[in-house]
Amino acid sequence: MLKCKDVVAKADALVDGTSLTMRERIALRMHLLMCHHCRRYVHQLRVLVNTLPRETDRLDDAQTRDILEKLDTSRVP
């Protein structure tokens, strides 16, 4: 049985539909059936992934670079 931290680590691949074996996908789905916290996390990640491309299309290159620089400097070491 997967732990929540395992689901978080593989959530990107689940949402993108890439680089997961059948066994990993089944294990993730089983965990999501039982854990409402992880279901909520994956749902929010899907919403974010679907929303970002629409929002970033509205930005010019300078704005995009500025946002990326701010994200890089805000990371905790």
PDB file of N, CA and C in Angstrom:
ATOM      1  N   MET A   1       0.843  -1.187   0.000  1.00  0.00           N
ATOM      2  CA  MET A   1       0.000   0.000   0.000  1.00  0.00           C
ATOM      3  C   MET A   1       0.886   1.247   0.000  1.00  0.00           C
ATOM      4  N   LEU A   2       0.563   2.171  -0.876  1.00  0.00           N
ATOM      5  CA  LEU A   2       1.324   3.413  -0.949  1.00  0.00           C
ATOM      6  C   LEU A   2       0.999   4.319   0.225  1.00  0.00           C
ATOM      7  N   LYS A   3       1.958   5.139   0.575  1.00  0.00           N
ATOM      8  CA  LYS A   3       1.740   6.175   1.582  1.00  0.00           C
ATOM      9  C   LYS A   3       1.436   7.474   0.855  1.00  0.00           C
ATOM     10  N   CYS A   4       0.893   8.432   1.580  1.00  0.00           N
ATOM     11  CA  CYS A   4       0.537   9.722   0.984  1.00  0.00           C
ATOM     12  C   CYS A   4       1.741  10.392   0.334  1.00  0.00           C
ATOM     13  N   LYS A   5       2.900  10.294   0.960  1.00  0.00           N
ATOM     14  CA  LYS A   5       4.085  10.935   0.378  1.00  0.00           C
ATOM     15  C   LYS A   5       4.458  10.295  -0.952  1.00  0.00           C
ATOM     16  N   ASP A   6       4.168   9.008  -1.129  1.00  0.00           N
ATOM     17  CA  ASP A   6       4.418   8.340  -2.410  1.00  0.00           C
ATOM     18  C   ASP A   6       3.482   8.879  -3.492  1.00  0.00           C
ATOM     19  N   VAL A   7       2.236   9.121  -3.106  1.00  0.00           N
ATOM     20  CA  VAL A   7       1.258   9.664  -4.051  1.00  0.00           C
ATOM     21  C   VAL A   7       1.676  11.064  -4.483  1.00  0.00           C
ATOM     22  N   VAL A   8       2.099  11.877  -3.532  1.00  0.00           N
ATOM     23  CA  VAL A   8       2.535  13.241  -3.857  1.00  0.00           C
ATOM     24  C   VAL A   8       3.723  13.191  -4.817  1.00  0.00           C
ATOM     25  N   ALA A   9       4.646  12.271  -4.586  1.00  0.00           N
ATOM     26  CA  ALA A   9       5.833  12.164  -5.438  1.00  0.00           C
ATOM     27  C   ALA A   9       5.482  11.749  -6.864  1.00  0.00           C
ATOM     28  N   LYS A  10       4.401  10.990  -7.033  1.00  0.00           N
ATOM     29  CA  LYS A  10       4.044  10.487  -8.360  1.00  0.00           C
ATOM     30  C   LYS A  10       2.821  11.174  -8.955  1.00  0.00           C
ATOM     31  N   ALA A  11       2.293  12.170  -8.267  1.00  0.00           N
ATOM     32  CA  ALA A  11       1.061  12.822  -8.725  1.00  0.00           C
ATOM     33  C   ALA A  11       1.232  13.505 -10.074  1.00  0.00           C
ATOM     34  N   ASP A  12       2.383  14.122 -10.314  1.00  0.00           N
ATOM     35  CA  ASP A  12       2.617  14.783 -11.607  1.00  0.00           C
ATOM     36  C   ASP A  12       2.501  13.788 -12.754  1.00  0.00           C
ATOM     37  N   ALA A  13       3.128  12.653 -12.593  1.00  0.00           N
ATOM     38  CA  ALA A  13       3.082  11.634 -13.642  1.00  0.00           C
ATOM     39  C   ALA A  13       1.664  11.105 -13.825  1.00  0.00           C
ATOM     40  N   LEU A  14       0.925  10.989 -12.748  1.00  0.00           N
ATOM     41  CA  LEU A  14      -0.459  10.531 -12.835  1.00  0.00           C
ATOM     42  C   LEU A  14      -1.310  11.534 -13.605  1.00  0.00           C
ATOM     43  N   VAL A  15      -1.161  12.802 -13.294  1.00  0.00           N
ATOM     44  CA  VAL A  15      -1.948  13.844 -13.953  1.00  0.00           C
ATOM     45  C   VAL A  15      -1.557  13.960 -15.425  1.00  0.00           C
ATOM     46  N   ASP A  16      -0.257  13.868 -15.713  1.00  0.00           N
ATOM     47  CA  ASP A  16       0.215  13.958 -17.098  1.00  0.00           C
ATOM     48  C   ASP A  16      -0.068  12.688 -17.890  1.00  0.00           C
ATOM     49  N   GLY A  17      -0.277  11.590 -17.177  1.00  0.00           N
ATOM     50  CA  GLY A  17      -0.514  10.315 -17.844  1.00  0.00           C
ATOM     51  C   GLY A  17       0.745   9.709 -18.443  1.00  0.00           C
ATOM     52  N   THR A  18       1.888  10.034 -17.859  1.00  0.00           N
ATOM     53  CA  THR A  18       3.151   9.551 -18.421  1.00  0.00           C
ATOM     54  C   THR A  18       3.991   8.837 -17.374  1.00  0.00           C
ATOM     55  N   SER A  19       4.900   8.045 -17.854  1.00  0.00           N
ATOM     56  CA  SER A  19       5.975   7.412 -17.085  1.00  0.00           C
ATOM     57  C   SER A  19       5.545   6.667 -15.823  1.00  0.00           C
ATOM     58  N   LEU A  20       4.379   6.056 -15.858  1.00  0.00           N
ATOM     59  CA  LEU A  20       3.970   5.188 -14.757  1.00  0.00           C
ATOM     60  C   LEU A  20       3.689   3.800 -15.319  1.00  0.00           C
ATOM     61  N   THR A  21       4.138   2.796 -14.601  1.00  0.00           N
ATOM     62  CA  THR A  21       3.809   1.435 -15.007  1.00  0.00           C
ATOM     63  C   THR A  21       2.356   1.152 -14.640  1.00  0.00           C
ATOM     64  N   MET A  22       1.823   0.094 -15.197  1.00  0.00           N
ATOM     65  CA  MET A  22       0.450  -0.304 -14.882  1.00  0.00           C
ATOM     66  C   MET A  22       0.311  -0.561 -13.382  1.00  0.00           C
ATOM     67  N   ARG A  23       1.307  -1.203 -12.795  1.00  0.00           N
ATOM     68  CA  ARG A  23       1.283  -1.500 -11.364  1.00  0.00           C
ATOM     69  C   ARG A  23       1.242  -0.208 -10.540  1.00  0.00           C
ATOM     70  N   GLU A  24       2.045   0.803 -10.938  1.00  0.00           N
ATOM     71  CA  GLU A  24       2.061   2.081 -10.223  1.00  0.00           C
ATOM     72  C   GLU A  24       0.714   2.795 -10.344  1.00  0.00           C
ATOM     73  N   ARG A  25       0.142   2.783 -11.550  1.00  0.00           N
ATOM     74  CA  ARG A  25      -1.163   3.432 -11.738  1.00  0.00           C
ATOM     75  C   ARG A  25      -2.241   2.777 -10.883  1.00  0.00           C
ATOM     76  N   ILE A  26      -2.232   1.464 -10.839  1.00  0.00           N
ATOM     77  CA  ILE A  26      -3.221   0.745 -10.029  1.00  0.00           C
ATOM     78  C   ILE A  26      -3.024   1.060  -8.552  1.00  0.00           C
ATOM     79  N   ALA A  27      -1.777   1.055  -8.084  1.00  0.00           N
ATOM     80  CA  ALA A  27      -1.497   1.360  -6.677  1.00  0.00           C
ATOM     81  C   ALA A  27      -1.944   2.777  -6.328  1.00  0.00           C
ATOM     82  N   LEU A  28      -1.679   3.723  -7.226  1.00  0.00           N
ATOM     83  CA  LEU A  28      -2.116   5.105  -6.988  1.00  0.00           C
ATOM     84  C   LEU A  28      -3.633   5.196  -6.937  1.00  0.00           C
ATOM     85  N   ARG A  29      -4.296   4.556  -7.881  1.00  0.00           N
ATOM     86  CA  ARG A  29      -5.769   4.589  -7.903  1.00  0.00           C
ATOM     87  C   ARG A  29      -6.361   3.962  -6.641  1.00  0.00           C
ATOM     88  N   MET A  30      -5.778   2.870  -6.190  1.00  0.00           N
ATOM     89  CA  MET A  30      -6.267   2.221  -4.966  1.00  0.00           C
ATOM     90  C   MET A  30      -6.116   3.158  -3.773  1.00  0.00           C
ATOM     91  N   HIS A  31      -4.976   3.824  -3.684  1.00  0.00           N
ATOM     92  CA  HIS A  31      -4.758   4.758  -2.583  1.00  0.00           C
ATOM     93  C   HIS A  31      -5.770   5.896  -2.659  1.00  0.00           C
ATOM     94  N   LEU A  32      -5.996   6.418  -3.866  1.00  0.00           N
ATOM     95  CA  LEU A  32      -6.934   7.530  -4.028  1.00  0.00           C
ATOM     96  C   LEU A  32      -8.364   7.132  -3.663  1.00  0.00           C
ATOM     97  N   LEU A  33      -8.707   5.871  -3.866  1.00  0.00           N
ATOM     98  CA  LEU A  33     -10.040   5.409  -3.472  1.00  0.00           C
ATOM     99  C   LEU A  33     -10.243   5.500  -1.961  1.00  0.00           C
ATOM    100  N   MET A  34      -9.162   5.336  -1.213  1.00  0.00           N
ATOM    101  CA  MET A  34      -9.272   5.299   0.243  1.00  0.00           C
ATOM    102  C   MET A  34      -8.878   6.590   0.949  1.00  0.00           C
ATOM    103  N   CYS A  35      -8.185   7.492   0.267  1.00  0.00           N
ATOM    104  CA  CYS A  35      -7.639   8.673   0.941  1.00  0.00           C
ATOM    105  C   CYS A  35      -8.199   9.954   0.328  1.00  0.00           C
ATOM    106  N   HIS A  36      -9.099  10.597   1.042  1.00  0.00           N
ATOM    107  CA  HIS A  36      -9.716  11.812   0.491  1.00  0.00           C
ATOM    108  C   HIS A  36      -8.729  12.976   0.442  1.00  0.00           C
ATOM    109  N   HIS A  37      -7.713  12.969   1.286  1.00  0.00           N
ATOM    110  CA  HIS A  37      -6.709  14.039   1.256  1.00  0.00           C
ATOM    111  C   HIS A  37      -5.922  13.992  -0.061  1.00  0.00           C
ATOM    112  N   CYS A  38      -5.496  12.815  -0.434  1.00  0.00           N
ATOM    113  CA  CYS A  38      -4.747  12.673  -1.683  1.00  0.00           C
ATOM    114  C   CYS A  38      -5.648  12.894  -2.894  1.00  0.00           C
ATOM    115  N   ARG A  39      -6.908  12.465  -2.807  1.00  0.00           N
ATOM    116  CA  ARG A  39      -7.852  12.749  -3.898  1.00  0.00           C
ATOM    117  C   ARG A  39      -7.966  14.241  -4.110  1.00  0.00           C
ATOM    118  N   ARG A  40      -8.091  14.982  -3.013  1.00  0.00           N
ATOM    119  CA  ARG A  40      -8.192  16.441  -3.102  1.00  0.00           C
ATOM    120  C   ARG A  40      -6.911  17.026  -3.691  1.00  0.00           C
ATOM    121  N   TYR A  41      -5.756  16.527  -3.260  1.00  0.00           N
ATOM    122  CA  TYR A  41      -4.475  17.019  -3.771  1.00  0.00           C
ATOM    123  C   TYR A  41      -4.376  16.802  -5.281  1.00  0.00           C
ATOM    124  N   VAL A  42      -4.697  15.598  -5.740  1.00  0.00           N
ATOM    125  CA  VAL A  42      -4.609  15.290  -7.172  1.00  0.00           C
ATOM    126  C   VAL A  42      -5.622  16.121  -7.953  1.00  0.00           C
ATOM    127  N   HIS A  43      -6.807  16.304  -7.401  1.00  0.00           N
ATOM    128  CA  HIS A  43      -7.813  17.150  -8.062  1.00  0.00           C
ATOM    129  C   HIS A  43      -7.301  18.581  -8.210  1.00  0.00           C
ATOM    130  N   GLN A  44      -6.740  19.125  -7.146  1.00  0.00           N
ATOM    131  CA  GLN A  44      -6.218  20.492  -7.199  1.00  0.00           C
ATOM    132  C   GLN A  44      -5.054  20.597  -8.185  1.00  0.00           C
ATOM    133  N   LEU A  45      -4.229  19.576  -8.247  1.00  0.00           N
ATOM    134  CA  LEU A  45      -3.121  19.567  -9.200  1.00  0.00           C
ATOM    135  C   LEU A  45      -3.651  19.559 -10.635  1.00  0.00           C
ATOM    136  N   ARG A  46      -4.690  18.754 -10.884  1.00  0.00           N
ATOM    137  CA  ARG A  46      -5.292  18.725 -12.229  1.00  0.00           C
ATOM    138  C   ARG A  46      -5.863  20.089 -12.606  1.00  0.00           C
ATOM    139  N   VAL A  47      -6.550  20.728 -11.667  1.00  0.00           N
ATOM    140  CA  VAL A  47      -7.102  22.060 -11.929  1.00  0.00           C
ATOM    141  C   VAL A  47      -5.976  23.034 -12.251  1.00  0.00           C
ATOM    142  N   LEU A  48      -4.916  22.989 -11.476  1.00  0.00           N
ATOM    143  CA  LEU A  48      -3.775  23.878 -11.700  1.00  0.00           C
ATOM    144  C   LEU A  48      -3.139  23.639 -13.068  1.00  0.00           C
ATOM    145  N   VAL A  49      -2.921  22.382 -13.407  1.00  0.00           N
ATOM    146  CA  VAL A  49      -2.300  22.036 -14.689  1.00  0.00           C
ATOM    147  C   VAL A  49      -3.176  22.493 -15.852  1.00  0.00           C
ATOM    148  N   ASN A  50      -4.483  22.376 -15.702  1.00  0.00           N
ATOM    149  CA  ASN A  50      -5.388  22.786 -16.778  1.00  0.00           C
ATOM    150  C   ASN A  50      -5.543  24.294 -16.869  1.00  0.00           C
ATOM    151  N   THR A  51      -5.350  25.007 -15.774  1.00  0.00           N
ATOM    152  CA  THR A  51      -5.536  26.458 -15.744  1.00  0.00           C
ATOM    153  C   THR A  51      -4.286  27.210 -16.184  1.00  0.00           C
ATOM    154  N   LEU A  52      -3.120  26.738 -15.795  1.00  0.00           N
ATOM    155  CA  LEU A  52      -1.878  27.468 -16.076  1.00  0.00           C
ATOM    156  C   LEU A  52      -1.639  27.784 -17.551  1.00  0.00           C
ATOM    157  N   PRO A  53      -1.828  26.850 -18.463  1.00  0.00           N
ATOM    158  CA  PRO A  53      -1.559  27.208 -19.862  1.00  0.00           C
ATOM    159  C   PRO A  53      -2.412  28.377 -20.355  1.00  0.00           C
ATOM    160  N   ARG A  54      -3.654  28.447 -19.937  1.00  0.00           N
ATOM    161  CA  ARG A  54      -4.520  29.555 -20.357  1.00  0.00           C
ATOM    162  C   ARG A  54      -4.013  30.866 -19.796  1.00  0.00           C
ATOM    163  N   GLU A  55      -3.557  30.853 -18.554  1.00  0.00           N
ATOM    164  CA  GLU A  55      -3.091  32.083 -17.920  1.00  0.00           C
ATOM    165  C   GLU A  55      -1.738  32.525 -18.470  1.00  0.00           C
ATOM    166  N   THR A  56      -0.848  31.576 -18.723  1.00  0.00           N
ATOM    167  CA  THR A  56       0.474  31.958 -19.212  1.00  0.00           C
ATOM    168  C   THR A  56       0.431  32.451 -20.651  1.00  0.00           C
ATOM    169  N   ASP A  57      -0.581  32.069 -21.416  1.00  0.00           N
ATOM    170  CA  ASP A  57      -0.720  32.584 -22.781  1.00  0.00           C
ATOM    171  C   ASP A  57      -0.935  34.088 -22.776  1.00  0.00           C
ATOM    172  N   ARG A  58      -1.447  34.620 -21.699  1.00  0.00           N
ATOM    173  CA  ARG A  58      -1.732  36.050 -21.596  1.00  0.00           C
ATOM    174  C   ARG A  58      -0.496  36.875 -21.239  1.00  0.00           C
ATOM    175  N   LEU A  59       0.576  36.218 -20.824  1.00  0.00           N
ATOM    176  CA  LEU A  59       1.776  36.929 -20.383  1.00  0.00           C
ATOM    177  C   LEU A  59       2.774  37.070 -21.527  1.00  0.00           C
ATOM    178  N   ASP A  60       3.500  38.178 -21.515  1.00  0.00           N
ATOM    179  CA  ASP A  60       4.601  38.292 -22.475  1.00  0.00           C
ATOM    180  C   ASP A  60       5.845  37.642 -21.868  1.00  0.00           C
ATOM    181  N   ASP A  61       6.903  37.542 -22.638  1.00  0.00           N
ATOM    182  CA  ASP A  61       8.117  36.843 -22.193  1.00  0.00           C
ATOM    183  C   ASP A  61       8.750  37.471 -20.957  1.00  0.00           C
ATOM    184  N   ALA A  62       8.745  38.790 -20.869  1.00  0.00           N
ATOM    185  CA  ALA A  62       9.347  39.473 -19.713  1.00  0.00           C
ATOM    186  C   ALA A  62       8.582  39.146 -18.436  1.00  0.00           C
ATOM    187  N   GLN A  63       7.263  39.125 -18.516  1.00  0.00           N
ATOM    188  CA  GLN A  63       6.455  38.793 -17.339  1.00  0.00           C
ATOM    189  C   GLN A  63       6.701  37.348 -16.916  1.00  0.00           C
ATOM    190  N   THR A  64       6.782  36.459 -17.875  1.00  0.00           N
ATOM    191  CA  THR A  64       7.030  35.052 -17.570  1.00  0.00           C
ATOM    192  C   THR A  64       8.386  34.873 -16.891  1.00  0.00           C
ATOM    193  N   ARG A  65       9.440  35.515 -17.419  1.00  0.00           N
ATOM    194  CA  ARG A  65      10.771  35.434 -16.798  1.00  0.00           C
ATOM    195  C   ARG A  65      10.750  35.982 -15.377  1.00  0.00           C
ATOM    196  N   ASP A  66      10.040  37.090 -15.177  1.00  0.00           N
ATOM    197  CA  ASP A  66       9.951  37.704 -13.852  1.00  0.00           C
ATOM    198  C   ASP A  66       9.308  36.746 -12.852  1.00  0.00           C
ATOM    199  N   ILE A  67       8.243  36.103 -13.257  1.00  0.00           N
ATOM    200  CA  ILE A  67       7.552  35.149 -12.376  1.00  0.00           C
ATOM    201  C   ILE A  67       8.468  33.968 -12.061  1.00  0.00           C
ATOM    202  N   LEU A  68       9.135  33.434 -13.072  1.00  0.00           N
ATOM    203  CA  LEU A  68      10.030  32.296 -12.848  1.00  0.00           C
ATOM    204  C   LEU A  68      11.189  32.656 -11.927  1.00  0.00           C
ATOM    205  N   GLU A  69      11.733  33.858 -12.079  1.00  0.00           N
ATOM    206  CA  GLU A  69      12.812  34.303 -11.187  1.00  0.00           C
ATOM    207  C   GLU A  69      12.320  34.414  -9.747  1.00  0.00           C
ATOM    208  N   LYS A  70      11.123  34.937  -9.569  1.00  0.00           N
ATOM    209  CA  LYS A  70      10.567  35.056  -8.214  1.00  0.00           C
ATOM    210  C   LYS A  70      10.339  33.685  -7.598  1.00  0.00           C
ATOM    211  N   LEU A  71       9.870  32.738  -8.395  1.00  0.00           N
ATOM    212  CA  LEU A  71       9.677  31.382  -7.886  1.00  0.00           C
ATOM    213  C   LEU A  71      11.011  30.758  -7.492  1.00  0.00           C
ATOM    214  N   ASP A  72      12.033  30.956  -8.300  1.00  0.00           N
ATOM    215  CA  ASP A  72      13.357  30.404  -7.985  1.00  0.00           C
ATOM    216  C   ASP A  72      13.919  30.982  -6.696  1.00  0.00           C
ATOM    217  N   THR A  73      13.744  32.278  -6.479  1.00  0.00           N
ATOM    218  CA  THR A  73      14.302  32.907  -5.276  1.00  0.00           C
ATOM    219  C   THR A  73      13.481  32.603  -4.032  1.00  0.00           C
ATOM    220  N   SER A  74      12.233  32.183  -4.211  1.00  0.00           N
ATOM    221  CA  SER A  74      11.384  31.921  -3.047  1.00  0.00           C
ATOM    222  C   SER A  74      11.498  30.490  -2.544  1.00  0.00           C
ATOM    223  N   ARG A  75      12.228  29.642  -3.252  1.00  0.00           N
ATOM    224  CA  ARG A  75      12.372  28.244  -2.838  1.00  0.00           C
ATOM    225  C   ARG A  75      13.173  28.148  -1.558  1.00  0.00           C
ATOM    226  N   VAL A  76      12.729  27.241  -0.720  1.00  0.00           N
ATOM    227  CA  VAL A  76      13.436  26.989   0.537  1.00  0.00           C
ATOM    228  C   VAL A  76      14.584  26.032   0.244  1.00  0.00           C
ATOM    229  N   PRO A  77      15.801  26.351   0.675  1.00  0.00           N
ATOM    230  CA  PRO A  77      16.957  25.476   0.384  1.00  0.00           C
ATOM    231  C   PRO A  77      16.871  24.147   1.092  1.00  0.00           C
TER     232      PRO A  77
END
